Amino acid sequence: MATLTEFQSSSVEMGEPSRRTPIFVALHQSGLYGRVARRKLLLSKRHMTACLEFAKRHLKYSETMKNKIHWSDETKIGLNARCHICGKLGTIPTVKHGGGSIMLWDVFQLQGLGD
């Protein structure tokens, strides 16, 4: 998957500078339309099953045991905008790395936030 800007810059690098409109028309004639890439969690069925089994195993903890549990989680937040892609409907894009992001991590328990 490539963006219209990437197509234009590659044509300039090949020594054939062109405007965006002819590239846009050629892509549409080929059946390629611009879309915004949908974000989807990368969780497999195995991950979801493991989380459910963990929750079922720990349902019957006593109150004193529940007070000792520390829950932690982390998330990655990207600092770049939505990604516009150009491709046929139903094709699966590859995972591209790069851009800025931050990782957040936190822990909490019954008494409040952790240290």
C-alpha atoms as a PDB file:
ATOM      1  CA  MET A   1       0.000   0.000   0.000  1.00  0.00           C
ATOM      2  CA  ALA A   2       1.288   3.435  -0.860  1.00  0.00           C
ATOM      3  CA  THR A   3      -0.001   6.974  -0.552  1.00  0.00           C
ATOM      4  CA  LEU A   4      -0.608   9.346  -3.435  1.00  0.00           C
ATOM      5  CA  THR A   5       2.235  11.547  -2.172  1.00  0.00           C
ATOM      6  CA  GLU A   6       4.597   8.550  -2.241  1.00  0.00           C
ATOM      7  CA  PHE A   7       3.591   7.811  -5.845  1.00  0.00           C
ATOM      8  CA  GLN A   8       4.249  11.435  -6.785  1.00  0.00           C
ATOM      9  CA  SER A   9       7.644  11.569  -5.067  1.00  0.00           C
ATOM     10  CA  SER A  10       8.720   8.284  -6.667  1.00  0.00           C
ATOM     11  CA  SER A  11       7.832   9.654 -10.112  1.00  0.00           C
ATOM     12  CA  VAL A  12       9.995  12.719  -9.379  1.00  0.00           C
ATOM     13  CA  GLU A  13      12.878  10.446  -8.311  1.00  0.00           C
ATOM     14  CA  MET A  14      12.576   8.537 -11.600  1.00  0.00           C
ATOM     15  CA  GLY A  15      12.943  11.819 -13.508  1.00  0.00           C
ATOM     16  CA  GLU A  16       9.319  12.046 -14.594  1.00  0.00           C
ATOM     17  CA  PRO A  17       7.778  14.763 -12.450  1.00  0.00           C
ATOM     18  CA  SER A  18       4.007  14.602 -12.574  1.00  0.00           C
ATOM     19  CA  ARG A  19       1.078  16.243 -10.879  1.00  0.00           C
ATOM     20  CA  ARG A  20      -1.212  14.519  -8.427  1.00  0.00           C
ATOM     21  CA  THR A  21      -4.313  14.658 -10.650  1.00  0.00           C
ATOM     22  CA  PRO A  22      -3.069  12.349 -13.468  1.00  0.00           C
ATOM     23  CA  ILE A  23      -1.771   9.879 -10.865  1.00  0.00           C
ATOM     24  CA  PHE A  24      -5.123  10.047  -9.076  1.00  0.00           C
ATOM     25  CA  VAL A  25      -7.044   9.373 -12.319  1.00  0.00           C
ATOM     26  CA  ALA A  26      -4.752   6.471 -13.280  1.00  0.00           C
ATOM     27  CA  LEU A  27      -5.182   4.871  -9.865  1.00  0.00           C
ATOM     28  CA  HIS A  28      -8.975   5.137 -10.103  1.00  0.00           C
ATOM     29  CA  GLN A  29      -8.949   3.595 -13.577  1.00  0.00           C
ATOM     30  CA  SER A  30      -6.958   0.688 -12.134  1.00  0.00           C
ATOM     31  CA  GLY A  31      -9.567   0.160  -9.421  1.00  0.00           C
ATOM     32  CA  LEU A  32      -7.494   1.664  -6.600  1.00  0.00           C
ATOM     33  CA  TYR A  33      -9.243   4.118  -4.289  1.00  0.00           C
ATOM     34  CA  GLY A  34      -7.953   6.083  -1.313  1.00  0.00           C
ATOM     35  CA  ARG A  35      -9.113   5.009   2.131  1.00  0.00           C
ATOM     36  CA  VAL A  36      -8.204   5.609   5.733  1.00  0.00           C
ATOM     37  CA  ALA A  37      -6.568   2.535   7.238  1.00  0.00           C
ATOM     38  CA  ARG A  38      -8.751   0.980   9.931  1.00  0.00           C
ATOM     39  CA  ARG A  39      -7.141   0.371  13.288  1.00  0.00           C
ATOM     40  CA  LYS A  40      -7.558  -3.107  14.676  1.00  0.00           C
ATOM     41  CA  LEU A  41      -6.176  -4.702  17.821  1.00  0.00           C
ATOM     42  CA  LEU A  42      -3.600  -7.373  17.105  1.00  0.00           C
ATOM     43  CA  LEU A  43      -5.200  -9.935  19.431  1.00  0.00           C
ATOM     44  CA  SER A  44      -5.454 -13.516  18.296  1.00  0.00           C
ATOM     45  CA  LYS A  45      -8.141 -15.977  19.373  1.00  0.00           C
ATOM     46  CA  ARG A  46      -5.498 -17.572  21.613  1.00  0.00           C
ATOM     47  CA  HIS A  47      -4.924 -14.250  23.449  1.00  0.00           C
ATOM     48  CA  MET A  48      -8.645 -13.687  23.980  1.00  0.00           C
ATOM     49  CA  THR A  49      -9.170 -17.256  25.209  1.00  0.00           C
ATOM     50  CA  ALA A  50      -6.250 -16.949  27.643  1.00  0.00           C
ATOM     51  CA  CYS A  51      -7.676 -13.700  29.104  1.00  0.00           C
ATOM     52  CA  LEU A  52     -11.100 -15.275  29.563  1.00  0.00           C
ATOM     53  CA  GLU A  53      -9.641 -18.382  31.230  1.00  0.00           C
ATOM     54  CA  PHE A  54      -7.571 -16.190  33.575  1.00  0.00           C
ATOM     55  CA  ALA A  55     -10.681 -14.251  34.608  1.00  0.00           C
ATOM     56  CA  LYS A  56     -12.680 -17.439  35.212  1.00  0.00           C
ATOM     57  CA  ARG A  57      -9.888 -18.963  37.350  1.00  0.00           C
ATOM     58  CA  HIS A  58      -9.695 -15.915  39.601  1.00  0.00           C
ATOM     59  CA  LEU A  59     -13.416 -15.238  40.136  1.00  0.00           C
ATOM     60  CA  LYS A  60     -13.560 -17.038  43.480  1.00  0.00           C
ATOM     61  CA  TYR A  61     -10.707 -15.237  45.228  1.00  0.00           C
ATOM     62  CA  SER A  62     -11.347 -14.231  48.842  1.00  0.00           C
ATOM     63  CA  GLU A  63     -11.562 -10.548  49.794  1.00  0.00           C
ATOM     64  CA  THR A  64      -8.113 -10.620  51.434  1.00  0.00           C
ATOM     65  CA  MET A  65      -6.602 -12.117  48.298  1.00  0.00           C
ATOM     66  CA  LYS A  66      -8.335  -9.513  46.094  1.00  0.00           C
ATOM     67  CA  ASN A  67      -6.782  -6.765  48.252  1.00  0.00           C
ATOM     68  CA  LYS A  68      -3.291  -8.060  47.395  1.00  0.00           C
ATOM     69  CA  ILE A  69      -3.739  -8.029  43.604  1.00  0.00           C
ATOM     70  CA  HIS A  70      -1.941  -5.370  41.573  1.00  0.00           C
ATOM     71  CA  TRP A  71      -3.369  -4.813  38.088  1.00  0.00           C
ATOM     72  CA  SER A  72      -1.075  -3.310  35.506  1.00  0.00           C
ATOM     73  CA  ASP A  73      -1.516  -2.319  31.900  1.00  0.00           C
ATOM     74  CA  GLU A  74       0.412  -0.564  29.204  1.00  0.00           C
ATOM     75  CA  THR A  75      -0.552   1.111  25.964  1.00  0.00           C
ATOM     76  CA  LYS A  76       1.259   2.656  23.041  1.00  0.00           C
ATOM     77  CA  ILE A  77      -0.125   5.936  21.710  1.00  0.00           C
ATOM     78  CA  GLY A  78       0.989   7.019  18.253  1.00  0.00           C
ATOM     79  CA  LEU A  79       1.743  10.677  17.681  1.00  0.00           C
ATOM     80  CA  ASN A  80       1.117  10.651  13.956  1.00  0.00           C
ATOM     81  CA  ALA A  81      -2.188  11.275  12.195  1.00  0.00           C
ATOM     82  CA  ARG A  82      -4.470   8.834  10.428  1.00  0.00           C
ATOM     83  CA  CYS A  83      -2.832   6.915   7.618  1.00  0.00           C
ATOM     84  CA  HIS A  84      -4.395   7.355   4.181  1.00  0.00           C
ATOM     85  CA  ILE A  85      -3.758   4.367   1.940  1.00  0.00           C
ATOM     86  CA  CYS A  86      -4.495   3.589  -1.659  1.00  0.00           C
ATOM     87  CA  GLY A  87      -5.341   0.039  -2.595  1.00  0.00           C
ATOM     88  CA  LYS A  88      -7.994  -2.420  -3.636  1.00  0.00           C
ATOM     89  CA  LEU A  89     -10.765  -3.165  -1.177  1.00  0.00           C
ATOM     90  CA  GLY A  90     -10.055  -6.266   0.878  1.00  0.00           C
ATOM     91  CA  THR A  91      -6.260  -6.258   0.550  1.00  0.00           C
ATOM     92  CA  ILE A  92      -4.303  -6.588   3.764  1.00  0.00           C
ATOM     93  CA  PRO A  93      -1.584  -3.947   4.274  1.00  0.00           C
ATOM     94  CA  THR A  94       1.743  -4.792   5.849  1.00  0.00           C
ATOM     95  CA  VAL A  95       2.658  -3.368   9.230  1.00  0.00           C
ATOM     96  CA  LYS A  96       4.828  -0.283   8.793  1.00  0.00           C
ATOM     97  CA  HIS A  97       7.106   0.837  11.594  1.00  0.00           C
ATOM     98  CA  GLY A  98       8.199   4.363  12.318  1.00  0.00           C
ATOM     99  CA  GLY A  99       6.738   7.645  13.436  1.00  0.00           C
ATOM    100  CA  GLY A 100       6.612   8.944  16.948  1.00  0.00           C
ATOM    101  CA  SER A 101       4.857   7.252  19.825  1.00  0.00           C
ATOM    102  CA  ILE A 102       4.831   7.101  23.599  1.00  0.00           C
ATOM    103  CA  MET A 103       4.345   4.161  25.937  1.00  0.00           C
ATOM    104  CA  LEU A 104       2.176   4.577  29.025  1.00  0.00           C
ATOM    105  CA  TRP A 105       2.185   2.120  31.913  1.00  0.00           C
ATOM    106  CA  ASP A 106       0.158   2.151  35.108  1.00  0.00           C
ATOM    107  CA  VAL A 107      -0.635  -0.131  38.015  1.00  0.00           C
ATOM    108  CA  PHE A 108      -3.619  -0.051  40.351  1.00  0.00           C
ATOM    109  CA  GLN A 109      -5.062  -2.054  43.211  1.00  0.00           C
ATOM    110  CA  LEU A 110      -8.117  -2.008  45.457  1.00  0.00           C
ATOM    111  CA  GLN A 111      -6.661   0.776  47.650  1.00  0.00           C
ATOM    112  CA  GLY A 112      -5.863   3.043  44.666  1.00  0.00           C
ATOM    113  CA  LEU A 113      -3.060   3.701  42.215  1.00  0.00           C
ATOM    114  CA  GLY A 114       0.293   1.998  42.642  1.00  0.00           C
ATOM    115  CA  ASP A 115       3.727   3.560  43.041  1.00  0.00           C
END
